[in-house]
C-alpha atoms as a PDB file:
ATOM      1  CA  MET A   1      36.315  20.221 113.240  1.00  0.00           C
ATOM      2  CA  LYS A   2      37.837  23.637 112.722  1.00  0.00           C
ATOM      3  CA  VAL A   3      36.950  26.448 115.100  1.00  0.00           C
ATOM      4  CA  ALA A   4      38.117  30.029 114.667  1.00  0.00           C
ATOM      5  CA  LEU A   5      37.451  33.103 116.772  1.00  0.00           C
ATOM      6  CA  GLU A   6      38.092  36.772 116.268  1.00  0.00           C
ATOM      7  CA  LEU A   7      38.637  38.163 119.745  1.00  0.00           C
ATOM      8  CA  TYR A   8      38.991  41.646 121.121  1.00  0.00           C
ATOM      9  CA  ALA A   9      41.146  40.624 124.088  1.00  0.00           C
ATOM     10  CA  PRO A  10      43.962  38.049 124.226  1.00  0.00           C
ATOM     11  CA  ALA A  11      42.965  34.492 125.119  1.00  0.00           C
ATOM     12  CA  THR A  12      44.106  30.941 124.483  1.00  0.00           C
ATOM     13  CA  ILE A  13      41.701  28.075 123.855  1.00  0.00           C
ATOM     14  CA  ASP A  14      43.024  24.619 122.967  1.00  0.00           C
ATOM     15  CA  GLY A  15      42.131  23.554 119.436  1.00  0.00           C
ATOM     16  CA  VAL A  16      40.815  26.980 118.453  1.00  0.00           C
ATOM     17  CA  GLU A  17      42.303  29.295 115.844  1.00  0.00           C
ATOM     18  CA  ILE A  18      42.317  32.733 117.476  1.00  0.00           C
ATOM     19  CA  VAL A  19      42.792  35.996 115.619  1.00  0.00           C
ATOM     20  CA  LEU A  20      43.172  39.067 117.799  1.00  0.00           C
ATOM     21  CA  GLN A  21      41.434  42.128 116.359  1.00  0.00           C
ATOM     22  CA  PRO A  22      44.185  44.779 116.153  1.00  0.00           C
ATOM     23  CA  ARG A  23      41.684  47.659 116.288  1.00  0.00           C
ATOM     24  CA  ALA A  24      39.949  46.300 119.395  1.00  0.00           C
ATOM     25  CA  PRO A  25      40.185  49.446 121.550  1.00  0.00           C
ATOM     26  CA  ALA A  26      38.615  51.647 118.853  1.00  0.00           C
ATOM     27  CA  VAL A  27      35.876  49.117 118.072  1.00  0.00           C
ATOM     28  CA  LEU A  28      35.037  48.556 121.736  1.00  0.00           C
ATOM     29  CA  ALA A  29      34.823  52.324 122.306  1.00  0.00           C
ATOM     30  CA  ARG A  30      32.224  52.619 119.498  1.00  0.00           C
ATOM     31  CA  TRP A  31      30.156  49.602 120.561  1.00  0.00           C
ATOM     32  CA  PRO A  32      29.587  49.539 124.315  1.00  0.00           C
ATOM     33  CA  GLY A  33      27.673  46.242 124.269  1.00  0.00           C
ATOM     34  CA  GLN A  34      28.784  42.678 123.572  1.00  0.00           C
ATOM     35  CA  TRP A  35      28.674  41.011 120.181  1.00  0.00           C
ATOM     36  CA  MET A  36      28.195  37.306 119.747  1.00  0.00           C
ATOM     37  CA  ASN A  37      28.262  36.310 116.095  1.00  0.00           C
ATOM     38  CA  LEU A  38      28.466  32.598 115.331  1.00  0.00           C
ATOM     39  CA  VAL A  39      28.377  30.573 112.172  1.00  0.00           C
ATOM     40  CA  VAL A  40      28.360  26.772 112.195  1.00  0.00           C
ATOM     41  CA  ASP A  41      29.678  24.926 109.147  1.00  0.00           C
ATOM     42  CA  GLY A  42      28.120  27.520 106.852  1.00  0.00           C
ATOM     43  CA  GLN A  43      24.736  25.941 107.707  1.00  0.00           C
ATOM     44  CA  GLU A  44      23.313  28.228 110.355  1.00  0.00           C
ATOM     45  CA  HIS A  45      24.300  31.402 112.115  1.00  0.00           C
ATOM     46  CA  LEU A  46      23.429  33.624 115.033  1.00  0.00           C
ATOM     47  CA  LEU A  47      24.064  37.348 115.140  1.00  0.00           C
ATOM     48  CA  ALA A  48      23.474  38.951 118.531  1.00  0.00           C
ATOM     49  CA  TYR A  49      24.202  42.308 120.109  1.00  0.00           C
ATOM     50  CA  LEU A  50      23.860  42.237 123.900  1.00  0.00           C
ATOM     51  CA  THR A  51      24.031  44.799 126.674  1.00  0.00           C
ATOM     52  CA  SER A  52      27.453  45.377 128.229  1.00  0.00           C
ATOM     53  CA  ASP A  53      26.630  43.055 131.126  1.00  0.00           C
ATOM     54  CA  GLY A  54      25.309  40.396 128.703  1.00  0.00           C
ATOM     55  CA  LYS A  55      21.955  40.149 130.504  1.00  0.00           C
ATOM     56  CA  GLU A  56      19.750  41.650 127.794  1.00  0.00           C
ATOM     57  CA  VAL A  57      19.546  41.387 124.031  1.00  0.00           C
ATOM     58  CA  HIS A  58      19.505  44.579 121.961  1.00  0.00           C
ATOM     59  CA  GLN A  59      19.107  42.677 118.712  1.00  0.00           C
ATOM     60  CA  ALA A  60      19.507  39.084 117.559  1.00  0.00           C
ATOM     61  CA  ILE A  61      18.696  36.851 114.630  1.00  0.00           C
ATOM     62  CA  TRP A  62      19.225  33.163 113.957  1.00  0.00           C
ATOM     63  CA  THR A  63      18.743  31.375 110.670  1.00  0.00           C
ATOM     64  CA  SER A  64      19.315  27.934 109.227  1.00  0.00           C
ATOM     65  CA  SER A  65      19.261  29.306 105.694  1.00  0.00           C
ATOM     66  CA  ALA A  66      22.194  27.662 103.919  1.00  0.00           C
ATOM     67  CA  TYR A  67      22.460  30.596 101.528  1.00  0.00           C
ATOM     68  CA  LEU A  68      22.524  33.319 104.194  1.00  0.00           C
ATOM     69  CA  SER A  69      24.770  31.270 106.452  1.00  0.00           C
ATOM     70  CA  TRP A  70      27.289  30.525 103.713  1.00  0.00           C
ATOM     71  CA  VAL A  71      27.407  34.204 102.753  1.00  0.00           C
ATOM     72  CA  TYR A  72      27.976  35.129 106.418  1.00  0.00           C
ATOM     73  CA  HIS A  73      30.544  32.328 106.793  1.00  0.00           C
ATOM     74  CA  SER A  74      32.497  33.683 103.824  1.00  0.00           C
ATOM     75  CA  GLY A  75      32.332  37.224 105.191  1.00  0.00           C
ATOM     76  CA  ALA A  76      33.463  36.082 108.630  1.00  0.00           C
ATOM     77  CA  ILE A  77      36.492  34.335 107.142  1.00  0.00           C
ATOM     78  CA  ALA A  78      37.345  37.478 105.152  1.00  0.00           C
ATOM     79  CA  GLU A  79      37.132  39.501 108.392  1.00  0.00           C
ATOM     80  CA  LEU A  80      39.435  37.011 110.150  1.00  0.00           C
ATOM     81  CA  ILE A  81      41.938  37.256 107.306  1.00  0.00           C
ATOM     82  CA  LEU A  82      41.839  41.052 107.323  1.00  0.00           C
ATOM     83  CA  ALA A  83      42.360  41.206 111.110  1.00  0.00           C
ATOM     84  CA  ALA A  84      45.264  38.731 110.894  1.00  0.00           C
ATOM     85  CA  ILE A  85      46.916  40.694 108.081  1.00  0.00           C
ATOM     86  CA  GLN A  86      46.485  44.000 109.924  1.00  0.00           C
ATOM     87  CA  LYS A  87      48.052  42.465 113.038  1.00  0.00           C
ATOM     88  CA  GLY A  88      50.830  40.891 110.967  1.00  0.00           C
ATOM     89  CA  ILE A  89      51.686  44.232 109.395  1.00  0.00           C
ATOM     90  CA  ASP A  90      51.631  45.890 112.826  1.00  0.00           C
ATOM     91  CA  ASP A  91      53.963  43.140 114.099  1.00  0.00           C
ATOM     92  CA  GLY A  92      56.375  43.656 111.175  1.00  0.00           C
ATOM     93  CA  ARG A  93      55.792  40.345 109.388  1.00  0.00           C
ATOM     94  CA  ASP A  94      57.183  40.042 105.885  1.00  0.00           C
ATOM     95  CA  THR A  95      55.198  39.330 102.702  1.00  0.00           C
ATOM     96  CA  ALA A  96      55.846  35.571 102.785  1.00  0.00           C
ATOM     97  CA  GLN A  97      54.557  35.348 106.365  1.00  0.00           C
ATOM     98  CA  LEU A  98      51.453  37.357 105.472  1.00  0.00           C
ATOM     99  CA  ARG A  99      50.753  35.076 102.489  1.00  0.00           C
ATOM    100  CA  GLU A 100      51.112  32.034 104.738  1.00  0.00           C
ATOM    101  CA  GLU A 101      48.594  33.533 107.169  1.00  0.00           C
ATOM    102  CA  ILE A 102      46.113  34.184 104.355  1.00  0.00           C
ATOM    103  CA  THR A 103      46.445  30.612 103.076  1.00  0.00           C
ATOM    104  CA  ARG A 104      46.059  29.103 106.543  1.00  0.00           C
ATOM    105  CA  LEU A 105      42.894  31.070 107.299  1.00  0.00           C
ATOM    106  CA  ARG A 106      41.430  30.688 103.803  1.00  0.00           C
ATOM    107  CA  ASP A 107      41.391  26.927 104.428  1.00  0.00           C
ATOM    108  CA  LEU A 108      38.474  27.556 106.803  1.00  0.00           C
ATOM    109  CA  THR A 109      36.225  28.070 103.737  1.00  0.00           C
ATOM    110  CA  LEU A 110      36.601  24.487 102.562  1.00  0.00           C
ATOM    111  CA  SER A 111      34.086  23.376  99.967  1.00  0.00           C
ATOM    112  CA  GLU A 112      33.583  20.241 102.096  1.00  0.00           C
ATOM    113  CA  ALA A 113      31.741  22.335 104.714  1.00  0.00           C
ATOM    114  CA  PRO A 114      28.236  20.945 105.286  1.00  0.00           C
ATOM    115  CA  GLY A 115      26.554  24.286 104.533  1.00  0.00           C
ATOM    116  CA  TYR A 116      28.312  24.613 101.200  1.00  0.00           C
ATOM    117  CA  LYS A 117      27.426  21.032 100.258  1.00  0.00           C
ATOM    118  CA  ARG A 118      23.798  21.599 101.256  1.00  0.00           C
ATOM    119  CA  LEU A 119      23.637  24.830  99.296  1.00  0.00           C
ATOM    120  CA  THR A 120      25.177  23.473  96.099  1.00  0.00           C
ATOM    121  CA  ARG A 121      23.145  20.261  96.292  1.00  0.00           C
ATOM    122  CA  ARG A 122      19.927  22.258  96.564  1.00  0.00           C
ATOM    123  CA  PHE A 123      20.638  24.631  93.714  1.00  0.00           C
ATOM    124  CA  SER A 124      22.362  22.179  91.384  1.00  0.00           C
ATOM    125  CA  GLN A 125      19.026  20.344  91.122  1.00  0.00           C
ATOM    126  CA  GLY A 126      17.400  23.397  89.584  1.00  0.00           C
ATOM    127  CA  ASP A 127      15.366  26.218  91.033  1.00  0.00           C
END
């Protein structure tokens, strides 16, 4: 199982790919609440915006739509890649190191993901 997180504060979690959002202070200043956006295997996802203390929900949606979840999964990976590249540039990494980072994170969109398999199986049988 591959798990990746885009975080807005440094943390270490064993077995988890962590990408620190380099624009965290600016983003946190614009959004005073807490975000919790999850996607599982491109099969289902939860998007939630909570109050700052995490006790109330401003807005949330969950779906098991393979299509919507795969689209969100792909977008989330693109966001992880962008954050990693921005941080890499800020840290002075060279082009080869940035390419390596892109390749490593792009592997999270494997076509073996259950959501992708479910989606292609459903639509390859016709509408």
